[in-house]
Amino acid sequence: MIAPTGSPDLSSASHPGAPPPPSSSLESILDAFRDWNEVRHRLRRDDCDIDTMLIGLRCPDVCVRVHAAHCGSNHPEVMAVVAYDQSVHVRIVAARSAATPSDILALFVRDRSRRCRELAAVNPSTSAEIRDRFARDRCAEVRRRVASAPSLLVSTIESLASDPDRYVRWVVARRRDLPDDVTRLLATDRESFVRMAIGGTSRLVEVLVDLAGQSAPGVARAVAANEASTLEVLELLARHDDPSVREQMTCHSAMTRELFERLMADPDESVRIAVATHCSDSAVLATLASDRSRRVRSAVIGNAAATDEVFRAVDHARSPRLSAVLAAPSSRAPGDVVERALAVMRVSPDAGVRRLAREIVTRRRDLGLPVPVVHPLSNVERVADLASVHDWLDTGRPVGALRRAALDPETPRPIRRVLLSRQDLPVEALADAANDRVAEIRALVAANPATPSDTLVRLGEDRRVSVRAKVVDNPGTPLSVLRSLGSDPVLDVRIAARRVLRQRAGRC
């Protein structure tokens, strides 16, 4: 039989009074158990009855009592007994359970465990009157939990709004049911994060106007994110010194075209990016499409409100990265913009960009999307555009047509510059181009490291100073030519030739 002295002394619990003594039937059930192991076994069963739970609460083992308390967490009669237990681990179950009667929860106001008081303060069964008593707790953590409770008396809210603990006031400021006088009080709090909380929750326009004019960026950002902010408030925020405030306000639903037009000329790049991201006005987007910042133009491309005219206005000629975004298979840009973007990529001096252009063309063709027509050159075709030159060189085709293009005076000058700067151009073409009547072409040959020595000797005697200067800078120029140019009649050529001679002598 279980000894009566083995049960906990309930009269010494943390609450005044004691739970009602078990009925005679419970005593008879208790006497029927040989030991507490049978109680443990019954508590593990899904169909455990209330009497067994109440018996388990008399076990000297705290673990058994905690198990019994959890089993009976939905039964008010069990929670009424659990609330008087000596162990804080057991009482926590009653403080948390919604089945605990309200009068029992009132006993936790004087509980010695702070955790029990915190849980009882926010228990759904705790009435607003009882929470008012918790609001006077000596521990600030308990008062913070009270301040976050769903329903409070107005007097309780007013008391907590003047609490000496700043975090209690912060929790109060985040409530949506604040009276107007409490809102005005917290809007003048000395702590900026308390005012920030008010700025994000208040519905009083006069309070938002006052907070929008403050210099603290966090407070102004909270006002900018508040959907209750009116056009008057947003106009004040548009003049705020901190760019993060102006950036935040671009997300507001009350933004007008006039405000977007004011912010699209903002000196801060992040603000213009935010306008390009959130504005749906095509005129504003078309203006930002030619912004000096690539990131702003990229945000315009990603805006779902961008029209075909906006895409056509995007300045991507200097940015292969933007061109790649416009030409990508997932782009919404019209066909003419895609073709122009691919053309920019195909004439890029970066071989990786040109390779990416070919990959984009392949992906678009595989997906059945329109692609610009690219005609490969043959050995007999005239080289007419720079994109064809790059396509030809990057894909390693025979260079017969390119050799003729390098020598043909009718070939556009930009194409000849690209060809004569390539080290893989046949040396015969370089030697023939050295006789060109255009000095710029001869200078390109003189600067190409692949130019043969005998050609450099001939160019070292060229009548144009720019050509002889390029000969000096060429790493393949023979020493005899450099010594000859060391006596050149032009001072700059003489100085450069002597400097190169000294450098080569030092390396030797």
Protein backbone atom coordinates (compact mmCIF):
# COMPACT_ATOMS: atom_id res chain seq x y z
CA MET A 1 0.00 0.00 0.00
CA ILE A 2 1.11 3.52 -0.60
CA ALA A 3 2.06 5.26 2.57
CA PRO A 4 0.07 8.46 3.23
CA THR A 5 3.30 10.19 4.22
CA GLY A 6 4.67 9.67 0.70
CA SER A 7 2.38 12.28 -0.86
CA PRO A 8 3.51 15.90 -1.07
CA ASP A 9 2.54 18.28 1.69
CA LEU A 10 -0.01 20.44 -0.18
CA SER A 11 -0.56 22.69 2.78
CA SER A 12 2.92 24.18 2.27
CA ALA A 13 2.35 25.14 -1.40
CA SER A 14 3.18 28.57 -2.64
CA HIS A 15 -0.48 29.71 -2.59
CA PRO A 16 -2.51 30.41 0.52
CA GLY A 17 -5.13 27.78 1.23
CA ALA A 18 -5.04 24.24 -0.04
CA PRO A 19 -6.79 22.22 -2.73
CA PRO A 20 -9.88 20.35 -1.77
CA PRO A 21 -9.06 16.98 -0.15
CA PRO A 22 -9.62 13.94 -2.35
CA SER A 23 -12.93 12.22 -1.98
CA SER A 24 -13.34 8.93 -0.12
CA SER A 25 -13.64 7.16 -3.45
CA LEU A 26 -10.24 8.48 -4.44
CA GLU A 27 -8.80 7.23 -1.15
CA SER A 28 -10.17 3.80 -1.83
CA ILE A 29 -8.72 3.85 -5.36
CA LEU A 30 -5.40 5.00 -3.96
CA ASP A 31 -5.34 2.13 -1.50
CA ALA A 32 -5.96 -0.30 -4.35
CA PHE A 33 -2.57 0.40 -5.92
CA ARG A 34 0.37 -1.61 -4.68
CA ASP A 35 2.90 1.00 -5.74
CA TRP A 36 3.29 4.08 -8.00
CA ASN A 37 4.43 2.01 -10.99
CA GLU A 38 0.83 1.11 -11.72
CA VAL A 39 -0.05 4.82 -11.67
CA ARG A 40 2.74 5.54 -14.13
CA HIS A 41 1.46 2.76 -16.37
CA ARG A 42 -2.09 4.12 -16.33
CA LEU A 43 -0.93 7.68 -17.01
CA ARG A 44 0.72 6.48 -20.21
CA ARG A 45 -2.57 5.13 -21.55
CA ASP A 46 -4.67 7.22 -23.90
CA ASP A 47 -7.84 6.51 -21.93
CA CYS A 48 -6.41 7.65 -18.61
CA ASP A 49 -9.25 8.87 -16.37
CA ILE A 50 -9.33 11.98 -14.19
CA ASP A 51 -9.15 9.98 -10.96
CA THR A 52 -5.84 8.45 -12.03
CA MET A 53 -4.51 11.92 -12.88
CA LEU A 54 -5.47 13.22 -9.46
CA ILE A 55 -3.80 10.24 -7.82
CA GLY A 56 -0.68 10.85 -9.90
CA LEU A 57 -0.55 14.41 -8.56
CA ARG A 58 -0.04 12.94 -5.05
CA CYS A 59 3.07 11.01 -6.07
CA PRO A 60 6.31 12.03 -4.33
CA ASP A 61 8.09 11.81 -7.73
CA VAL A 62 8.00 15.19 -9.49
CA CYS A 63 8.26 13.53 -12.91
CA VAL A 64 5.07 11.56 -12.26
CA ARG A 65 3.25 14.69 -11.13
CA VAL A 66 4.41 16.61 -14.23
CA HIS A 67 3.19 13.73 -16.42
CA ALA A 68 -0.16 13.70 -14.64
CA ALA A 69 -0.45 17.49 -15.01
CA HIS A 70 0.16 17.28 -18.76
CA CYS A 71 -2.38 14.48 -19.10
CA GLY A 72 -5.00 16.62 -17.35
CA SER A 73 -4.13 19.95 -18.99
CA ASN A 74 -7.61 20.06 -20.57
CA HIS A 75 -9.51 19.31 -17.37
CA PRO A 76 -10.30 22.24 -15.05
CA GLU A 77 -10.63 20.03 -11.98
CA VAL A 78 -7.13 18.66 -12.52
CA MET A 79 -5.64 22.12 -13.15
CA ALA A 80 -7.22 23.35 -9.92
CA VAL A 81 -5.07 20.84 -8.06
CA VAL A 82 -1.96 21.33 -10.21
CA ALA A 83 -1.89 25.05 -9.37
CA TYR A 84 -1.15 24.23 -5.71
CA ASP A 85 1.76 21.87 -6.34
CA GLN A 86 5.07 22.54 -4.63
CA SER A 87 7.10 22.08 -7.81
CA VAL A 88 7.32 24.96 -10.23
CA HIS A 89 7.54 22.47 -13.11
CA VAL A 90 4.09 21.20 -12.25
CA ARG A 91 2.53 24.61 -11.63
CA ILE A 92 3.79 25.87 -15.01
CA VAL A 93 1.36 23.44 -16.66
CA ALA A 94 -1.57 25.09 -14.89
CA ALA A 95 -0.28 28.61 -15.59
CA ARG A 96 -0.12 27.79 -19.32
CA SER A 97 -3.31 25.74 -19.70
CA ALA A 98 -6.42 27.46 -21.05
CA ALA A 99 -8.49 25.02 -18.97
CA THR A 100 -7.30 26.50 -15.68
CA PRO A 101 -10.19 28.38 -14.00
CA SER A 102 -9.88 32.14 -13.77
CA ASP A 103 -10.03 32.18 -9.97
CA ILE A 104 -7.16 29.71 -9.84
CA LEU A 105 -5.11 31.83 -12.24
CA ALA A 106 -5.59 34.77 -9.87
CA LEU A 107 -3.54 32.85 -7.30
CA PHE A 108 -0.50 33.04 -9.55
CA VAL A 109 -0.26 36.80 -8.93
CA ARG A 110 1.63 35.94 -5.75
CA ASP A 111 3.46 32.88 -7.09
CA ARG A 112 7.15 32.77 -6.26
CA SER A 113 8.08 31.67 -9.79
CA ARG A 114 8.46 34.47 -12.34
CA ARG A 115 7.88 32.01 -15.17
CA CYS A 116 4.54 30.97 -13.70
CA ARG A 117 3.48 34.59 -13.33
CA GLU A 118 4.47 35.35 -16.95
CA LEU A 119 2.48 32.42 -18.34
CA ALA A 120 -0.55 33.12 -16.18
CA ALA A 121 -0.52 36.78 -17.24
CA VAL A 122 -1.00 35.86 -20.91
CA ASN A 123 -3.21 32.82 -20.34
CA PRO A 124 -6.34 33.11 -22.54
CA SER A 125 -8.51 32.37 -19.49
CA THR A 126 -7.04 35.22 -17.46
CA SER A 127 -9.51 38.10 -17.26
CA ALA A 128 -8.57 41.72 -17.85
CA GLU A 129 -9.14 42.47 -14.16
CA ILE A 130 -6.64 39.81 -13.12
CA ARG A 131 -4.14 41.05 -15.71
CA ASP A 132 -4.39 44.46 -14.10
CA ARG A 133 -3.00 42.89 -10.94
CA PHE A 134 -0.18 41.26 -12.91
CA ALA A 135 0.62 44.68 -14.40
CA ARG A 136 1.80 45.80 -10.94
CA ASP A 137 4.29 42.94 -10.64
CA ARG A 138 7.70 43.82 -9.32
CA CYS A 139 9.42 42.05 -12.23
CA ALA A 140 9.65 43.96 -15.54
CA GLU A 141 9.54 40.72 -17.58
CA VAL A 142 6.08 39.94 -16.18
CA ARG A 143 4.84 43.44 -16.98
CA ARG A 144 6.15 43.07 -20.55
CA ARG A 145 4.13 39.88 -20.96
CA VAL A 146 1.06 41.66 -19.62
CA ALA A 147 1.61 44.50 -22.09
CA SER A 148 1.46 41.97 -24.96
CA ALA A 149 -1.74 40.29 -23.73
CA PRO A 150 -4.71 40.46 -26.15
CA SER A 151 -7.19 42.26 -23.89
CA LEU A 152 -6.41 44.82 -21.23
CA LEU A 153 -8.30 47.44 -19.28
CA VAL A 154 -7.77 51.02 -20.40
CA SER A 155 -6.42 51.81 -16.96
CA THR A 156 -3.92 48.96 -17.31
CA ILE A 157 -2.71 50.29 -20.66
CA GLU A 158 -2.32 53.78 -19.24
CA SER A 159 -0.35 52.42 -16.30
CA LEU A 160 1.98 50.39 -18.49
CA ALA A 161 2.49 53.34 -20.87
CA SER A 162 4.14 55.20 -17.98
CA ASP A 163 6.15 52.18 -16.80
CA PRO A 164 9.75 52.95 -15.76
CA ASP A 165 10.98 50.05 -17.89
CA ARG A 166 11.48 51.25 -21.50
CA TYR A 167 10.85 47.81 -22.99
CA VAL A 168 7.46 47.65 -21.28
CA ARG A 169 6.59 50.97 -22.93
CA TRP A 170 7.88 49.61 -26.26
CA VAL A 171 5.58 46.58 -26.05
CA VAL A 172 2.65 48.86 -25.22
CA ALA A 173 3.50 51.11 -28.17
CA ARG A 174 3.17 48.15 -30.54
CA ARG A 175 -0.45 47.52 -29.58
CA ARG A 176 -3.19 48.35 -32.07
CA ASP A 177 -5.83 49.22 -29.47
CA LEU A 178 -4.13 52.18 -27.81
CA PRO A 179 -6.32 55.08 -26.69
CA ASP A 180 -5.52 58.38 -28.37
CA ASP A 181 -4.12 59.98 -25.23
CA VAL A 182 -1.77 57.03 -24.68
CA THR A 183 -0.65 57.26 -28.31
CA ARG A 184 0.18 60.95 -27.92
CA LEU A 185 2.05 60.22 -24.69
CA LEU A 186 4.22 57.48 -26.19
CA ALA A 187 4.86 59.60 -29.30
CA THR A 188 6.88 61.93 -27.06
CA ASP A 189 8.78 59.14 -25.28
CA ARG A 190 12.45 59.79 -24.69
CA GLU A 191 13.41 56.45 -26.29
CA SER A 192 13.53 56.53 -30.09
CA PHE A 193 12.58 52.87 -30.49
CA VAL A 194 9.38 53.50 -28.51
CA ARG A 195 8.50 56.36 -30.86
CA MET A 196 9.42 54.08 -33.75
CA ALA A 197 6.85 51.53 -32.58
CA ILE A 198 4.22 54.27 -32.37
CA GLY A 199 5.15 55.46 -35.85
CA GLY A 200 4.46 52.00 -37.23
CA THR A 201 1.09 51.44 -35.51
CA SER A 202 -0.55 54.83 -34.94
CA ARG A 203 -3.61 55.90 -36.92
CA LEU A 204 -3.54 59.52 -35.73
CA VAL A 205 -2.45 61.80 -38.56
CA GLU A 206 -1.25 64.57 -36.26
CA VAL A 207 1.01 62.10 -34.46
CA LEU A 208 2.41 60.80 -37.74
CA VAL A 209 3.08 64.35 -38.94
CA ASP A 210 5.06 65.09 -35.78
CA LEU A 211 7.03 61.85 -36.02
CA ALA A 212 7.75 62.34 -39.76
CA GLY A 213 9.50 65.61 -39.03
CA GLN A 214 11.89 64.06 -36.51
CA SER A 215 15.54 63.61 -37.41
CA ALA A 216 15.75 60.02 -36.10
CA PRO A 217 15.84 57.88 -39.28
CA GLY A 218 14.30 54.84 -37.58
CA VAL A 219 11.22 56.77 -36.49
CA ALA A 220 10.74 58.29 -39.94
CA ARG A 221 11.18 54.88 -41.62
CA ALA A 222 8.47 53.42 -39.39
CA VAL A 223 6.13 56.25 -40.37
CA ALA A 224 6.97 55.68 -44.05
CA ALA A 225 5.99 52.01 -43.70
CA ASN A 226 2.72 52.83 -41.91
CA GLU A 227 -0.24 52.45 -44.28
CA ALA A 228 -2.11 55.11 -42.30
CA SER A 229 0.36 57.78 -43.47
CA THR A 230 -1.35 60.33 -45.67
CA LEU A 231 -0.05 62.38 -48.59
CA GLU A 232 0.80 65.20 -46.19
CA VAL A 233 3.00 62.82 -44.19
CA LEU A 234 4.69 61.45 -47.31
CA GLU A 235 5.54 64.95 -48.53
CA LEU A 236 7.33 65.58 -45.25
CA LEU A 237 9.19 62.27 -45.55
CA ALA A 238 10.28 63.13 -49.10
CA ARG A 239 12.31 66.01 -47.63
CA HIS A 240 13.97 63.88 -44.94
CA ASP A 241 17.77 63.99 -44.86
CA ASP A 242 18.23 60.23 -44.56
CA PRO A 243 18.03 58.41 -47.93
CA SER A 244 16.73 55.21 -46.31
CA VAL A 245 13.55 57.11 -45.33
CA ARG A 246 12.99 58.29 -48.89
CA GLU A 247 13.69 54.77 -50.11
CA GLN A 248 11.16 53.26 -47.70
CA MET A 249 8.36 55.60 -48.70
CA THR A 250 8.47 54.45 -52.34
CA CYS A 251 6.65 51.24 -51.26
CA HIS A 252 3.70 53.18 -49.83
CA SER A 253 0.32 52.76 -51.52
CA ALA A 254 -0.43 56.51 -51.24
CA MET A 255 2.56 57.52 -53.40
CA THR A 256 1.61 59.82 -56.27
CA ARG A 257 3.22 60.48 -59.62
CA GLU A 258 4.43 63.89 -58.41
CA LEU A 259 6.27 62.30 -55.49
CA PHE A 260 7.81 59.66 -57.75
CA GLU A 261 8.95 62.37 -60.15
CA ARG A 262 10.58 64.22 -57.26
CA LEU A 263 12.38 61.11 -56.03
CA MET A 264 13.50 59.89 -59.47
CA ALA A 265 15.96 62.82 -59.50
CA ASP A 266 17.23 61.98 -56.00
CA PRO A 267 21.03 62.19 -55.68
CA ASP A 268 21.11 58.88 -53.82
CA GLU A 269 21.25 55.82 -56.06
CA SER A 270 19.32 53.57 -53.64
CA VAL A 271 16.34 55.94 -53.74
CA ARG A 272 16.26 55.93 -57.54
CA ILE A 273 16.51 52.13 -57.52
CA ALA A 274 13.52 51.97 -55.18
CA VAL A 275 11.53 54.26 -57.49
CA ALA A 276 12.46 52.12 -60.50
CA THR A 277 11.34 49.03 -58.60
CA HIS A 278 8.01 50.20 -57.19
CA CYS A 279 6.74 52.89 -59.57
CA SER A 280 4.19 51.83 -62.18
CA ASP A 281 4.13 55.08 -64.17
CA SER A 282 5.64 54.49 -67.62
CA ALA A 283 6.81 58.11 -67.97
CA VAL A 284 8.87 57.87 -64.77
CA LEU A 285 10.28 54.50 -65.81
CA ALA A 286 11.19 55.84 -69.25
CA THR A 287 13.17 58.64 -67.62
CA LEU A 288 14.99 56.26 -65.29
CA ALA A 289 15.72 53.96 -68.24
CA SER A 290 18.55 56.33 -69.20
CA ASP A 291 19.80 56.88 -65.65
CA ARG A 292 23.55 57.12 -65.21
CA SER A 293 23.49 54.17 -62.79
CA ARG A 294 23.44 50.67 -64.28
CA ARG A 295 21.68 49.35 -61.17
CA VAL A 296 18.83 51.81 -61.68
CA ARG A 297 18.43 50.79 -65.31
CA SER A 298 18.51 47.15 -64.24
CA ALA A 299 15.67 47.80 -61.77
CA VAL A 300 13.66 49.39 -64.58
CA ILE A 301 14.10 46.23 -66.66
CA GLY A 302 12.84 44.10 -63.77
CA ASN A 303 9.75 46.25 -63.14
CA ALA A 304 6.57 44.40 -64.12
CA ALA A 305 5.02 47.69 -65.29
CA ALA A 306 7.74 48.34 -67.89
CA THR A 307 6.24 48.70 -71.38
CA ASP A 308 7.85 48.15 -74.78
CA GLU A 309 8.61 51.87 -75.00
CA VAL A 310 10.35 51.71 -71.63
CA PHE A 311 12.49 48.80 -72.80
CA ARG A 312 13.39 50.74 -75.94
CA ALA A 313 14.48 53.67 -73.78
CA VAL A 314 16.87 51.61 -71.64
CA ASP A 315 20.43 52.75 -72.22
CA HIS A 316 22.36 49.46 -72.44
CA ALA A 317 24.91 50.35 -75.11
CA ARG A 318 27.68 50.75 -72.52
CA SER A 319 26.68 47.77 -70.39
CA PRO A 320 26.93 44.23 -71.79
CA ARG A 321 25.44 42.96 -68.54
CA LEU A 322 22.23 44.90 -69.11
CA SER A 323 22.22 43.77 -72.72
CA ALA A 324 22.40 40.16 -71.53
CA VAL A 325 19.40 40.70 -69.26
CA LEU A 326 17.39 42.26 -72.10
CA ALA A 327 18.29 39.47 -74.53
CA ALA A 328 17.74 36.58 -72.10
CA PRO A 329 14.97 34.09 -72.99
CA SER A 330 13.03 35.15 -69.88
CA SER A 331 13.09 38.83 -70.88
CA ARG A 332 9.84 40.63 -71.72
CA ALA A 333 11.62 43.04 -74.08
CA PRO A 334 10.29 43.37 -77.66
CA GLY A 335 12.14 41.76 -80.57
CA ASP A 336 13.88 44.89 -81.80
CA VAL A 337 15.31 45.53 -78.31
CA VAL A 338 16.52 41.93 -78.08
CA GLU A 339 18.22 42.25 -81.47
CA ARG A 340 19.91 45.51 -80.49
CA ALA A 341 21.05 44.03 -77.17
CA LEU A 342 22.59 41.03 -78.91
CA ALA A 343 24.32 43.36 -81.35
CA VAL A 344 25.90 45.24 -78.42
CA MET A 345 27.13 41.97 -76.94
CA ARG A 346 28.50 40.65 -80.24
CA VAL A 347 30.79 43.66 -80.73
CA SER A 348 32.02 43.72 -77.12
CA PRO A 349 35.81 43.61 -76.73
CA ASP A 350 35.28 40.93 -74.05
CA ALA A 351 35.32 37.47 -75.61
CA GLY A 352 33.25 36.11 -72.71
CA VAL A 353 30.44 38.53 -73.50
CA ARG A 354 30.50 37.54 -77.14
CA ARG A 355 30.39 33.87 -76.16
CA LEU A 356 27.39 34.60 -73.91
CA ALA A 357 25.63 36.27 -76.86
CA ARG A 358 26.03 33.10 -78.93
CA GLU A 359 24.71 31.00 -76.04
CA ILE A 360 21.67 33.26 -75.69
CA VAL A 361 20.97 32.95 -79.42
CA THR A 362 21.17 29.16 -79.12
CA ARG A 363 18.83 29.05 -76.10
CA ARG A 364 16.30 31.34 -77.74
CA ARG A 365 16.36 29.23 -80.89
CA ASP A 366 15.86 26.02 -78.87
CA LEU A 367 12.85 27.57 -77.11
CA GLY A 368 11.33 28.72 -80.38
CA LEU A 369 11.82 32.40 -79.56
CA PRO A 370 12.68 34.95 -82.28
CA VAL A 371 16.40 35.52 -82.80
CA PRO A 372 18.24 37.95 -85.08
CA VAL A 373 19.57 36.52 -88.31
CA VAL A 374 23.34 36.00 -88.14
CA HIS A 375 24.97 35.16 -91.48
CA PRO A 376 28.36 33.44 -91.14
CA LEU A 377 31.09 34.76 -93.38
CA SER A 378 32.71 32.76 -96.11
CA ASN A 379 36.18 33.22 -97.56
CA VAL A 380 34.79 35.12 -100.52
CA GLU A 381 32.38 37.42 -98.69
CA ARG A 382 33.19 41.02 -97.87
CA VAL A 383 33.53 41.77 -94.13
CA ALA A 384 30.93 44.46 -93.61
CA ASP A 385 30.19 44.65 -89.88
CA LEU A 386 32.14 44.37 -86.66
CA ALA A 387 29.86 41.69 -85.20
CA SER A 388 30.73 39.39 -88.08
CA VAL A 389 34.42 39.98 -87.42
CA HIS A 390 34.06 38.91 -83.81
CA ASP A 391 31.91 35.91 -84.72
CA TRP A 392 34.52 34.87 -87.26
CA LEU A 393 37.49 35.23 -84.91
CA ASP A 394 35.81 33.66 -81.87
CA THR A 395 34.73 30.53 -83.75
CA GLY A 396 38.17 29.89 -85.28
CA ARG A 397 37.23 29.89 -88.97
CA PRO A 398 39.80 30.39 -91.77
CA VAL A 399 41.06 33.95 -91.95
CA GLY A 400 41.18 34.43 -95.71
CA ALA A 401 38.30 36.89 -95.79
CA LEU A 402 39.69 38.74 -92.76
CA ARG A 403 43.11 39.08 -94.40
CA ARG A 404 41.50 40.69 -97.41
CA ALA A 405 39.42 42.90 -95.13
CA ALA A 406 42.55 44.09 -93.33
CA LEU A 407 44.05 45.22 -96.62
CA ASP A 408 40.93 46.52 -98.37
CA PRO A 409 40.78 50.34 -98.12
CA GLU A 410 37.00 50.15 -98.45
CA THR A 411 36.68 48.14 -95.24
CA PRO A 412 35.25 50.36 -92.47
CA ARG A 413 37.98 51.79 -90.27
CA PRO A 414 36.67 50.27 -86.97
CA ILE A 415 36.82 46.79 -88.52
CA ARG A 416 40.39 47.30 -89.71
CA ARG A 417 41.38 48.46 -86.21
CA VAL A 418 40.07 45.20 -84.71
CA LEU A 419 41.72 43.04 -87.35
CA LEU A 420 45.14 44.70 -87.24
CA SER A 421 45.21 44.48 -83.44
CA ARG A 422 44.79 40.68 -83.52
CA GLN A 423 47.97 38.69 -83.00
CA ASP A 424 46.53 35.70 -84.86
CA LEU A 425 46.33 37.64 -88.14
CA PRO A 426 48.76 36.23 -90.76
CA VAL A 427 52.10 38.05 -90.83
CA GLU A 428 51.70 38.52 -94.58
CA ALA A 429 48.63 40.64 -93.94
CA LEU A 430 50.51 42.71 -91.37
CA ALA A 431 53.42 43.21 -93.77
CA ASP A 432 51.11 44.32 -96.56
CA ALA A 433 49.15 46.65 -94.23
CA ALA A 434 52.42 48.37 -93.28
CA ASN A 435 52.34 49.96 -96.72
CA ASP A 436 48.87 51.47 -96.23
CA ARG A 437 48.57 55.15 -97.02
CA VAL A 438 46.63 55.79 -93.76
CA ALA A 439 49.00 56.52 -90.84
CA GLU A 440 46.59 55.11 -88.28
CA ILE A 441 46.66 51.72 -90.03
CA ARG A 442 50.46 51.71 -90.15
CA ALA A 443 50.54 52.62 -86.43
CA LEU A 444 48.31 49.63 -85.63
CA VAL A 445 50.72 47.35 -87.48
CA ALA A 446 53.64 48.92 -85.62
CA ALA A 447 51.97 48.23 -82.27
CA ASN A 448 51.02 44.60 -83.00
CA PRO A 449 53.45 42.20 -81.23
CA ALA A 450 53.00 39.72 -84.11
CA THR A 451 54.49 42.13 -86.68
CA PRO A 452 57.69 40.64 -88.14
CA SER A 453 61.06 42.30 -87.46
CA ASP A 454 61.78 43.35 -91.04
CA THR A 455 58.43 45.16 -91.13
CA LEU A 456 59.27 46.95 -87.86
CA VAL A 457 62.63 48.01 -89.35
CA ARG A 458 60.79 49.58 -92.25
CA LEU A 459 58.20 51.25 -89.98
CA GLY A 460 61.01 52.63 -87.80
CA GLU A 461 61.83 54.91 -90.70
CA ASP A 462 58.23 56.01 -91.25
CA ARG A 463 57.67 59.72 -91.81
CA ARG A 464 54.89 59.91 -89.19
CA VAL A 465 55.89 60.39 -85.54
CA SER A 466 52.91 58.36 -84.26
CA VAL A 467 54.07 55.32 -86.24
CA ARG A 468 57.68 55.54 -84.99
CA ALA A 469 56.40 55.95 -81.40
CA LYS A 470 54.43 52.70 -81.72
CA VAL A 471 57.54 50.95 -83.02
CA VAL A 472 59.39 52.00 -79.87
CA ASP A 473 56.63 50.54 -77.65
CA ASN A 474 56.48 47.22 -79.54
CA PRO A 475 58.20 44.48 -77.48
CA GLY A 476 59.42 42.79 -80.67
CA THR A 477 61.34 45.79 -82.03
CA PRO A 478 65.01 44.90 -82.68
CA LEU A 479 67.72 46.69 -80.67
CA SER A 480 69.24 48.13 -83.82
CA VAL A 481 65.99 49.93 -84.61
CA LEU A 482 65.79 51.27 -81.04
CA ARG A 483 69.36 52.58 -81.24
CA SER A 484 68.49 54.30 -84.50
CA LEU A 485 65.37 55.83 -82.97
CA GLY A 486 67.50 56.99 -80.01
CA SER A 487 68.79 59.64 -82.40
CA ASP A 488 65.37 60.50 -83.81
CA PRO A 489 64.83 64.20 -84.57
CA VAL A 490 61.70 64.21 -82.38
CA LEU A 491 62.52 64.58 -78.68
CA ASP A 492 59.70 62.39 -77.39
CA VAL A 493 60.70 59.51 -79.67
CA ARG A 494 64.36 59.83 -78.63
CA ILE A 495 63.48 59.81 -74.93
CA ALA A 496 61.15 56.82 -75.29
CA ALA A 497 63.67 54.81 -77.34
CA ARG A 498 66.49 55.45 -74.84
CA ARG A 499 64.24 54.49 -71.93
CA VAL A 500 63.33 51.18 -73.60
CA LEU A 501 67.01 50.51 -74.33
CA ARG A 502 67.90 51.04 -70.64
CA GLN A 503 65.05 48.75 -69.56
CA ARG A 504 66.18 45.99 -71.87
CA ALA A 505 69.81 46.43 -70.75
CA GLY A 506 68.67 46.15 -67.12
CA ARG A 507 66.83 42.91 -67.82
CA CYS A 508 69.92 41.48 -69.44
